[in-house]
Amino acid sequence: MLSVVILGTGNVAENLFHAFYESTSIRLTQVVGRNEESLKKFQDKTKVSSDFENLVQADIYVIAISDNAIPEISKKITQEGLVVHTSGATPMEVIPTKNRGVFYPLQTFTKGHVLDFSTIPICVEAEDPMSFTKLQQLGECISNKVYGINSEQRKKLHLSAVFANNFSNHLFHISEVLCKEENLSFELLKPLILETVKKLDFLSPLEAQTGPARRKDSESMKRHLELLTDEKQIKLYMLLSEAISKTYEKEL
């Protein structure tokens, strides 16, 4: 059985806590965080502490905090054990100990919303084979999708996730704003959004693309631009339409 300490109390830490706690192969020995109020939601199930200098001994220390705080907090871990962070964009080398690694769950986490980890891809990386095997084992305790990736792959994967999740969500926001301008409900677009994602089960994004930019329907795009008044929305529409048109320019 692997013993684990979680450092952090935010969205990622909370989701990992529930996944680790429910696993029969993991002993969750402590949760450590600066926010004493946030620690209360863990205290009935494991030891908690707001003192990062007062850590219990564990096989693995999982740092699940904001990226810019990882170097500072990782320096406080002086116990023996594998030290890992959960960031997609932060180099493994910010952890000063050589017994270090990365345990990166590729998912978006929201406060108060606990996810089923069994389908969440977990990307692991470590300095040495024994630590890598230990992280693989930890991942397999909570997920059916564990992948070994290196730092360069992880950086590009995180960038890909920003395009797929953060940017697409901002486009949903713009769609909602446009709907509200005409007293329309964003609910009208949800079946379209869901079907767009479902198609990716049997088509690549390249094959699934539709719309006026792919068809090079300049009249429809012109009418769309006439409806937009926000300069940033106009630039975004033109930039994305141009990118789509260039991707499929050989088709027509």
C-alpha atoms as a PDB file:
ATOM      1  CA  MET A   1       0.000   0.000   0.000  1.00  0.00           C
ATOM      2  CA  LEU A   2       1.337   3.435  -0.969  1.00  0.00           C
ATOM      3  CA  SER A   3       1.271   6.197   1.648  1.00  0.00           C
ATOM      4  CA  VAL A   4       0.559   9.671   0.282  1.00  0.00           C
ATOM      5  CA  VAL A   5       0.622  13.252   1.594  1.00  0.00           C
ATOM      6  CA  ILE A   6      -1.223  15.954  -0.368  1.00  0.00           C
ATOM      7  CA  LEU A   7       0.105  19.501  -0.167  1.00  0.00           C
ATOM      8  CA  GLY A   8      -2.680  21.895  -1.158  1.00  0.00           C
ATOM      9  CA  THR A   9      -6.399  22.353  -0.615  1.00  0.00           C
ATOM     10  CA  GLY A  10      -7.610  23.717  -3.971  1.00  0.00           C
ATOM     11  CA  ASN A  11      -9.607  22.129  -6.795  1.00  0.00           C
ATOM     12  CA  VAL A  12      -6.938  19.631  -7.912  1.00  0.00           C
ATOM     13  CA  ALA A  13      -6.034  18.716  -4.331  1.00  0.00           C
ATOM     14  CA  GLU A  14      -9.670  18.138  -3.390  1.00  0.00           C
ATOM     15  CA  ASN A  15     -10.294  15.875  -6.373  1.00  0.00           C
ATOM     16  CA  LEU A  16      -7.101  13.900  -5.737  1.00  0.00           C
ATOM     17  CA  PHE A  17      -8.036  13.590  -2.080  1.00  0.00           C
ATOM     18  CA  HIS A  18     -11.347  11.901  -2.912  1.00  0.00           C
ATOM     19  CA  ALA A  19      -9.720   9.599  -5.487  1.00  0.00           C
ATOM     20  CA  PHE A  20      -6.895   8.570  -3.142  1.00  0.00           C
ATOM     21  CA  TYR A  21      -9.200   8.187  -0.158  1.00  0.00           C
ATOM     22  CA  GLU A  22     -11.520   5.815  -2.031  1.00  0.00           C
ATOM     23  CA  SER A  23      -8.655   3.605  -3.253  1.00  0.00           C
ATOM     24  CA  THR A  24      -7.985   0.487  -1.209  1.00  0.00           C
ATOM     25  CA  SER A  25      -4.348   0.561  -2.344  1.00  0.00           C
ATOM     26  CA  ILE A  26      -3.531   4.039  -1.040  1.00  0.00           C
ATOM     27  CA  ARG A  27      -3.143   5.235   2.542  1.00  0.00           C
ATOM     28  CA  LEU A  28      -3.760   8.966   2.662  1.00  0.00           C
ATOM     29  CA  THR A  29      -1.717  10.051   5.653  1.00  0.00           C
ATOM     30  CA  GLN A  30      -2.015  13.854   5.628  1.00  0.00           C
ATOM     31  CA  VAL A  31      -3.324  16.957   3.859  1.00  0.00           C
ATOM     32  CA  VAL A  32      -1.309  20.156   4.341  1.00  0.00           C
ATOM     33  CA  GLY A  33      -2.419  23.641   3.350  1.00  0.00           C
ATOM     34  CA  ARG A  34      -2.185  27.291   4.335  1.00  0.00           C
ATOM     35  CA  ASN A  35      -5.944  27.831   4.485  1.00  0.00           C
ATOM     36  CA  GLU A  36      -7.146  26.415   7.789  1.00  0.00           C
ATOM     37  CA  GLU A  37     -10.785  26.861   6.791  1.00  0.00           C
ATOM     38  CA  SER A  38     -10.258  24.745   3.665  1.00  0.00           C
ATOM     39  CA  LEU A  39      -8.518  22.049   5.729  1.00  0.00           C
ATOM     40  CA  LYS A  40     -11.729  21.418   7.677  1.00  0.00           C
ATOM     41  CA  LYS A  41     -13.265  19.462   4.783  1.00  0.00           C
ATOM     42  CA  PHE A  42     -10.486  16.862   5.097  1.00  0.00           C
ATOM     43  CA  GLN A  43      -9.998  16.600   8.852  1.00  0.00           C
ATOM     44  CA  ASP A  44     -12.600  13.881   9.466  1.00  0.00           C
ATOM     45  CA  LYS A  45     -10.814  11.492   7.110  1.00  0.00           C
ATOM     46  CA  THR A  46      -7.095  12.112   7.597  1.00  0.00           C
ATOM     47  CA  LYS A  47      -4.563  14.207   9.498  1.00  0.00           C
ATOM     48  CA  VAL A  48      -4.409  17.864   8.486  1.00  0.00           C
ATOM     49  CA  SER A  49      -1.867  20.606   9.137  1.00  0.00           C
ATOM     50  CA  SER A  50      -1.255  24.215   8.117  1.00  0.00           C
ATOM     51  CA  ASP A  51       2.462  23.839   8.867  1.00  0.00           C
ATOM     52  CA  PHE A  52       4.486  22.772   5.820  1.00  0.00           C
ATOM     53  CA  GLU A  53       7.436  22.102   8.121  1.00  0.00           C
ATOM     54  CA  ASN A  54       5.419  19.467  10.016  1.00  0.00           C
ATOM     55  CA  LEU A  55       4.968  16.714   7.449  1.00  0.00           C
ATOM     56  CA  VAL A  56       4.478  13.048   8.306  1.00  0.00           C
ATOM     57  CA  GLN A  57       6.572  10.396   6.589  1.00  0.00           C
ATOM     58  CA  ALA A  58       5.094   9.069   3.325  1.00  0.00           C
ATOM     59  CA  ASP A  59       6.082   7.246   0.152  1.00  0.00           C
ATOM     60  CA  ILE A  60       4.886  10.081  -2.091  1.00  0.00           C
ATOM     61  CA  TYR A  61       4.335  13.810  -1.511  1.00  0.00           C
ATOM     62  CA  VAL A  62       1.913  15.271  -4.054  1.00  0.00           C
ATOM     63  CA  ILE A  63       2.162  19.062  -4.441  1.00  0.00           C
ATOM     64  CA  ALA A  64      -1.197  20.265  -5.807  1.00  0.00           C
ATOM     65  CA  ILE A  65      -0.932  24.055  -5.553  1.00  0.00           C
ATOM     66  CA  SER A  66      -0.568  27.038  -7.911  1.00  0.00           C
ATOM     67  CA  ASP A  67       2.373  26.685 -10.290  1.00  0.00           C
ATOM     68  CA  ASN A  68       4.329  29.691  -9.000  1.00  0.00           C
ATOM     69  CA  ALA A  69       4.274  28.345  -5.423  1.00  0.00           C
ATOM     70  CA  ILE A  70       5.700  24.898  -6.266  1.00  0.00           C
ATOM     71  CA  PRO A  71       9.411  25.824  -5.900  1.00  0.00           C
ATOM     72  CA  GLU A  72       8.886  27.417  -2.464  1.00  0.00           C
ATOM     73  CA  ILE A  73       6.746  24.602  -1.054  1.00  0.00           C
ATOM     74  CA  SER A  74       8.885  21.787  -2.475  1.00  0.00           C
ATOM     75  CA  LYS A  75      11.916  23.154  -0.572  1.00  0.00           C
ATOM     76  CA  LYS A  76      10.075  22.554   2.689  1.00  0.00           C
ATOM     77  CA  ILE A  77       9.856  18.782   2.091  1.00  0.00           C
ATOM     78  CA  THR A  78      12.893  17.310   3.799  1.00  0.00           C
ATOM     79  CA  GLN A  79      11.499  13.841   4.511  1.00  0.00           C
ATOM     80  CA  GLU A  80      12.495  10.814   2.483  1.00  0.00           C
ATOM     81  CA  GLY A  81       9.994  10.020  -0.208  1.00  0.00           C
ATOM     82  CA  LEU A  82       9.151  10.811  -3.799  1.00  0.00           C
ATOM     83  CA  VAL A  83       8.127  14.463  -4.323  1.00  0.00           C
ATOM     84  CA  VAL A  84       5.900  15.273  -7.308  1.00  0.00           C
ATOM     85  CA  HIS A  85       3.849  18.179  -8.589  1.00  0.00           C
ATOM     86  CA  THR A  86       0.621  18.083 -10.613  1.00  0.00           C
ATOM     87  CA  SER A  87       1.318  20.922 -13.065  1.00  0.00           C
ATOM     88  CA  GLY A  88       1.226  20.526 -16.824  1.00  0.00           C
ATOM     89  CA  ALA A  89       3.398  23.562 -17.535  1.00  0.00           C
ATOM     90  CA  THR A  90       5.977  23.552 -14.720  1.00  0.00           C
ATOM     91  CA  PRO A  91       9.361  21.827 -15.218  1.00  0.00           C
ATOM     92  CA  MET A  92      10.079  18.874 -12.973  1.00  0.00           C
ATOM     93  CA  GLU A  93      13.421  20.494 -12.115  1.00  0.00           C
ATOM     94  CA  VAL A  94      11.790  23.172  -9.901  1.00  0.00           C
ATOM     95  CA  ILE A  95      11.653  20.455  -7.224  1.00  0.00           C
ATOM     96  CA  PRO A  96      15.126  20.578  -5.630  1.00  0.00           C
ATOM     97  CA  THR A  97      15.329  16.939  -4.489  1.00  0.00           C
ATOM     98  CA  LYS A  98      16.527  14.319  -6.976  1.00  0.00           C
ATOM     99  CA  ASN A  99      13.788  11.932  -5.899  1.00  0.00           C
ATOM    100  CA  ARG A 100      11.206  13.887  -7.885  1.00  0.00           C
ATOM    101  CA  GLY A 101       8.575  13.537 -10.558  1.00  0.00           C
ATOM    102  CA  VAL A 102       5.335  14.743 -12.100  1.00  0.00           C
ATOM    103  CA  PHE A 103       1.816  13.396 -11.561  1.00  0.00           C
ATOM    104  CA  TYR A 104      -0.277  15.382 -14.052  1.00  0.00           C
ATOM    105  CA  PRO A 105      -4.021  14.664 -14.280  1.00  0.00           C
ATOM    106  CA  LEU A 106      -5.148  16.002 -17.657  1.00  0.00           C
ATOM    107  CA  GLN A 107      -8.527  17.471 -16.763  1.00  0.00           C
ATOM    108  CA  THR A 108     -10.202  20.730 -15.803  1.00  0.00           C
ATOM    109  CA  PHE A 109     -11.221  20.927 -12.152  1.00  0.00           C
ATOM    110  CA  THR A 110     -13.935  23.127 -10.655  1.00  0.00           C
ATOM    111  CA  LYS A 111     -14.437  24.049  -7.018  1.00  0.00           C
ATOM    112  CA  GLY A 112     -16.924  21.772  -5.270  1.00  0.00           C
ATOM    113  CA  HIS A 113     -17.282  19.444  -8.275  1.00  0.00           C
ATOM    114  CA  VAL A 114     -15.686  16.042  -7.641  1.00  0.00           C
ATOM    115  CA  LEU A 115     -14.884  14.012 -10.766  1.00  0.00           C
ATOM    116  CA  ASP A 116     -14.577  10.285 -11.426  1.00  0.00           C
ATOM    117  CA  PHE A 117     -10.833   9.767 -11.817  1.00  0.00           C
ATOM    118  CA  SER A 118     -11.166   6.375 -13.508  1.00  0.00           C
ATOM    119  CA  THR A 119     -11.432   7.996 -16.969  1.00  0.00           C
ATOM    120  CA  ILE A 120      -9.024  10.892 -16.398  1.00  0.00           C
ATOM    121  CA  PRO A 121      -5.652  10.523 -18.180  1.00  0.00           C
ATOM    122  CA  ILE A 122      -2.760  10.756 -15.731  1.00  0.00           C
ATOM    123  CA  CYS A 123       0.636  11.616 -17.184  1.00  0.00           C
ATOM    124  CA  VAL A 124       3.642  10.593 -15.098  1.00  0.00           C
ATOM    125  CA  GLU A 125       7.323  11.420 -15.264  1.00  0.00           C
ATOM    126  CA  ALA A 126      10.233  10.722 -12.917  1.00  0.00           C
ATOM    127  CA  GLU A 127      13.998  11.016 -12.668  1.00  0.00           C
ATOM    128  CA  ASP A 128      14.676   7.292 -12.226  1.00  0.00           C
ATOM    129  CA  PRO A 129      12.958   4.006 -13.167  1.00  0.00           C
ATOM    130  CA  MET A 130      11.987   3.052  -9.595  1.00  0.00           C
ATOM    131  CA  SER A 131      10.243   6.371  -9.006  1.00  0.00           C
ATOM    132  CA  PHE A 132       8.544   6.115 -12.388  1.00  0.00           C
ATOM    133  CA  THR A 133       7.206   2.652 -11.500  1.00  0.00           C
ATOM    134  CA  LYS A 134       5.924   3.999  -8.183  1.00  0.00           C
ATOM    135  CA  LEU A 135       4.075   6.835  -9.943  1.00  0.00           C
ATOM    136  CA  GLN A 136       2.625   4.423 -12.480  1.00  0.00           C
ATOM    137  CA  GLN A 137       1.376   2.314  -9.584  1.00  0.00           C
ATOM    138  CA  LEU A 138      -0.159   5.369  -7.895  1.00  0.00           C
ATOM    139  CA  GLY A 139      -1.869   6.392 -11.119  1.00  0.00           C
ATOM    140  CA  GLU A 140      -3.257   2.922 -11.746  1.00  0.00           C
ATOM    141  CA  CYS A 141      -4.814   2.932  -8.258  1.00  0.00           C
ATOM    142  CA  ILE A 142      -7.228   5.666  -9.362  1.00  0.00           C
ATOM    143  CA  SER A 143      -7.296   5.744 -13.181  1.00  0.00           C
ATOM    144  CA  ASN A 144      -7.543   3.362 -16.135  1.00  0.00           C
ATOM    145  CA  LYS A 145      -5.478   5.748 -18.268  1.00  0.00           C
ATOM    146  CA  VAL A 146      -1.888   6.235 -17.102  1.00  0.00           C
ATOM    147  CA  TYR A 147       0.761   7.455 -19.556  1.00  0.00           C
ATOM    148  CA  GLY A 148       4.487   7.940 -19.252  1.00  0.00           C
ATOM    149  CA  ILE A 149       5.518  11.183 -20.967  1.00  0.00           C
ATOM    150  CA  ASN A 150       8.650  13.330 -20.854  1.00  0.00           C
ATOM    151  CA  SER A 151       8.902  17.043 -20.064  1.00  0.00           C
ATOM    152  CA  GLU A 152       8.877  18.209 -23.676  1.00  0.00           C
ATOM    153  CA  GLN A 153       5.795  16.132 -24.443  1.00  0.00           C
ATOM    154  CA  ARG A 154       4.051  17.425 -21.325  1.00  0.00           C
ATOM    155  CA  LYS A 155       4.696  21.067 -22.239  1.00  0.00           C
ATOM    156  CA  LYS A 156       3.179  20.562 -25.681  1.00  0.00           C
ATOM    157  CA  LEU A 157       0.301  18.546 -24.207  1.00  0.00           C
ATOM    158  CA  HIS A 158      -0.492  21.378 -21.796  1.00  0.00           C
ATOM    159  CA  LEU A 159      -0.455  23.848 -24.692  1.00  0.00           C
ATOM    160  CA  SER A 160      -2.820  21.558 -26.604  1.00  0.00           C
ATOM    161  CA  ALA A 161      -5.108  21.460 -23.567  1.00  0.00           C
ATOM    162  CA  VAL A 162      -5.228  25.266 -23.472  1.00  0.00           C
ATOM    163  CA  PHE A 163      -6.439  25.317 -27.090  1.00  0.00           C
ATOM    164  CA  ALA A 164      -8.915  22.488 -26.531  1.00  0.00           C
ATOM    165  CA  ASN A 165     -10.323  23.656 -23.205  1.00  0.00           C
ATOM    166  CA  ASN A 166      -9.524  27.244 -22.236  1.00  0.00           C
ATOM    167  CA  PHE A 167      -9.857  28.787 -25.679  1.00  0.00           C
ATOM    168  CA  SER A 168     -12.950  26.791 -26.628  1.00  0.00           C
ATOM    169  CA  ASN A 169     -14.597  27.756 -23.322  1.00  0.00           C
ATOM    170  CA  HIS A 170     -13.924  31.431 -24.058  1.00  0.00           C
ATOM    171  CA  LEU A 171     -15.624  30.969 -27.414  1.00  0.00           C
ATOM    172  CA  PHE A 172     -18.611  29.492 -25.549  1.00  0.00           C
ATOM    173  CA  HIS A 173     -18.622  32.671 -23.452  1.00  0.00           C
ATOM    174  CA  ILE A 174     -18.712  34.845 -26.575  1.00  0.00           C
ATOM    175  CA  SER A 175     -21.553  32.696 -27.936  1.00  0.00           C
ATOM    176  CA  GLU A 176     -23.489  33.228 -24.703  1.00  0.00           C
ATOM    177  CA  VAL A 177     -22.929  37.006 -24.872  1.00  0.00           C
ATOM    178  CA  LEU A 178     -24.216  37.125 -28.450  1.00  0.00           C
ATOM    179  CA  CYS A 179     -27.278  35.099 -27.480  1.00  0.00           C
ATOM    180  CA  LYS A 180     -28.059  37.368 -24.532  1.00  0.00           C
ATOM    181  CA  GLU A 181     -27.918  40.414 -26.813  1.00  0.00           C
ATOM    182  CA  GLU A 182     -31.034  39.034 -28.519  1.00  0.00           C
ATOM    183  CA  ASN A 183     -32.658  37.621 -25.356  1.00  0.00           C
ATOM    184  CA  LEU A 184     -31.839  34.072 -26.452  1.00  0.00           C
ATOM    185  CA  SER A 185     -30.909  31.269 -24.077  1.00  0.00           C
ATOM    186  CA  PHE A 186     -27.448  29.675 -24.310  1.00  0.00           C
ATOM    187  CA  GLU A 187     -29.327  26.373 -23.796  1.00  0.00           C
ATOM    188  CA  LEU A 188     -30.174  26.512 -27.507  1.00  0.00           C
ATOM    189  CA  LEU A 189     -26.498  25.915 -28.344  1.00  0.00           C
ATOM    190  CA  LYS A 190     -25.773  23.101 -25.883  1.00  0.00           C
ATOM    191  CA  PRO A 191     -26.994  20.222 -28.131  1.00  0.00           C
ATOM    192  CA  LEU A 192     -24.754  21.593 -30.908  1.00  0.00           C
ATOM    193  CA  ILE A 193     -21.761  21.808 -28.567  1.00  0.00           C
ATOM    194  CA  LEU A 194     -22.320  18.281 -27.247  1.00  0.00           C
ATOM    195  CA  GLU A 195     -22.704  16.821 -30.750  1.00  0.00           C
ATOM    196  CA  THR A 196     -19.496  18.583 -31.855  1.00  0.00           C
ATOM    197  CA  VAL A 197     -17.588  16.810 -29.088  1.00  0.00           C
ATOM    198  CA  LYS A 198     -19.352  13.454 -29.583  1.00  0.00           C
ATOM    199  CA  LYS A 199     -18.297  13.397 -33.246  1.00  0.00           C
ATOM    200  CA  LEU A 200     -14.684  13.190 -32.107  1.00  0.00           C
ATOM    201  CA  ASP A 201     -15.374   9.589 -31.061  1.00  0.00           C
ATOM    202  CA  PHE A 202     -15.419   8.568 -34.727  1.00  0.00           C
ATOM    203  CA  LEU A 203     -13.939  11.516 -36.659  1.00  0.00           C
ATOM    204  CA  SER A 204     -10.711  13.481 -36.308  1.00  0.00           C
ATOM    205  CA  PRO A 205     -11.124  17.234 -35.686  1.00  0.00           C
ATOM    206  CA  LEU A 206      -9.837  17.785 -39.227  1.00  0.00           C
ATOM    207  CA  GLU A 207     -12.627  15.611 -40.648  1.00  0.00           C
ATOM    208  CA  ALA A 208     -15.322  16.969 -38.346  1.00  0.00           C
ATOM    209  CA  GLN A 209     -14.937  20.652 -39.280  1.00  0.00           C
ATOM    210  CA  THR A 210     -18.022  22.305 -40.789  1.00  0.00           C
ATOM    211  CA  GLY A 211     -19.220  25.883 -41.255  1.00  0.00           C
ATOM    212  CA  PRO A 212     -18.934  28.817 -43.665  1.00  0.00           C
ATOM    213  CA  ALA A 213     -15.141  29.179 -43.374  1.00  0.00           C
ATOM    214  CA  ARG A 214     -14.566  25.576 -44.480  1.00  0.00           C
ATOM    215  CA  ARG A 215     -17.077  26.016 -47.341  1.00  0.00           C
ATOM    216  CA  LYS A 216     -15.492  29.396 -48.168  1.00  0.00           C
ATOM    217  CA  ASP A 217     -18.977  30.904 -47.961  1.00  0.00           C
ATOM    218  CA  SER A 218     -17.847  34.534 -48.096  1.00  0.00           C
ATOM    219  CA  GLU A 219     -21.389  35.954 -48.172  1.00  0.00           C
ATOM    220  CA  SER A 220     -22.337  34.277 -44.882  1.00  0.00           C
ATOM    221  CA  MET A 221     -19.081  35.386 -43.246  1.00  0.00           C
ATOM    222  CA  LYS A 222     -19.646  38.953 -44.458  1.00  0.00           C
ATOM    223  CA  ARG A 223     -23.129  38.986 -42.905  1.00  0.00           C
ATOM    224  CA  HIS A 224     -21.723  37.628 -39.641  1.00  0.00           C
ATOM    225  CA  LEU A 225     -19.110  40.387 -39.479  1.00  0.00           C
ATOM    226  CA  GLU A 226     -21.795  43.016 -40.025  1.00  0.00           C
ATOM    227  CA  LEU A 227     -23.574  41.756 -36.919  1.00  0.00           C
ATOM    228  CA  LEU A 228     -20.508  42.104 -34.682  1.00  0.00           C
ATOM    229  CA  THR A 229     -19.757  45.410 -32.941  1.00  0.00           C
ATOM    230  CA  ASP A 230     -16.983  44.373 -30.554  1.00  0.00           C
ATOM    231  CA  GLU A 231     -13.590  44.915 -32.198  1.00  0.00           C
ATOM    232  CA  LYS A 232     -12.004  41.916 -30.454  1.00  0.00           C
ATOM    233  CA  GLN A 233     -14.833  39.633 -31.569  1.00  0.00           C
ATOM    234  CA  ILE A 234     -14.423  40.878 -35.148  1.00  0.00           C
ATOM    235  CA  LYS A 235     -10.670  40.182 -35.096  1.00  0.00           C
ATOM    236  CA  LEU A 236     -11.217  36.758 -33.547  1.00  0.00           C
ATOM    237  CA  TYR A 237     -13.867  35.823 -36.112  1.00  0.00           C
ATOM    238  CA  MET A 238     -11.612  36.900 -38.992  1.00  0.00           C
ATOM    239  CA  LEU A 239      -8.524  35.163 -37.566  1.00  0.00           C
ATOM    240  CA  LEU A 240     -10.291  31.842 -36.934  1.00  0.00           C
ATOM    241  CA  SER A 241     -12.111  31.957 -40.282  1.00  0.00           C
ATOM    242  CA  GLU A 242      -8.836  32.579 -42.098  1.00  0.00           C
ATOM    243  CA  ALA A 243      -7.140  29.719 -40.227  1.00  0.00           C
ATOM    244  CA  ILE A 244      -9.981  27.313 -41.119  1.00  0.00           C
ATOM    245  CA  SER A 245     -10.064  28.431 -44.772  1.00  0.00           C
ATOM    246  CA  LYS A 246      -6.307  27.938 -45.161  1.00  0.00           C
ATOM    247  CA  THR A 247      -6.520  24.461 -43.608  1.00  0.00           C
ATOM    248  CA  TYR A 248      -9.020  23.350 -46.267  1.00  0.00           C
ATOM    249  CA  GLU A 249      -7.936  25.557 -49.189  1.00  0.00           C
ATOM    250  CA  LYS A 250      -6.942  22.539 -51.323  1.00  0.00           C
ATOM    251  CA  GLU A 251     -10.454  21.107 -51.142  1.00  0.00           C
ATOM    252  CA  LEU A 252     -12.122  23.756 -53.293  1.00  0.00           C
END
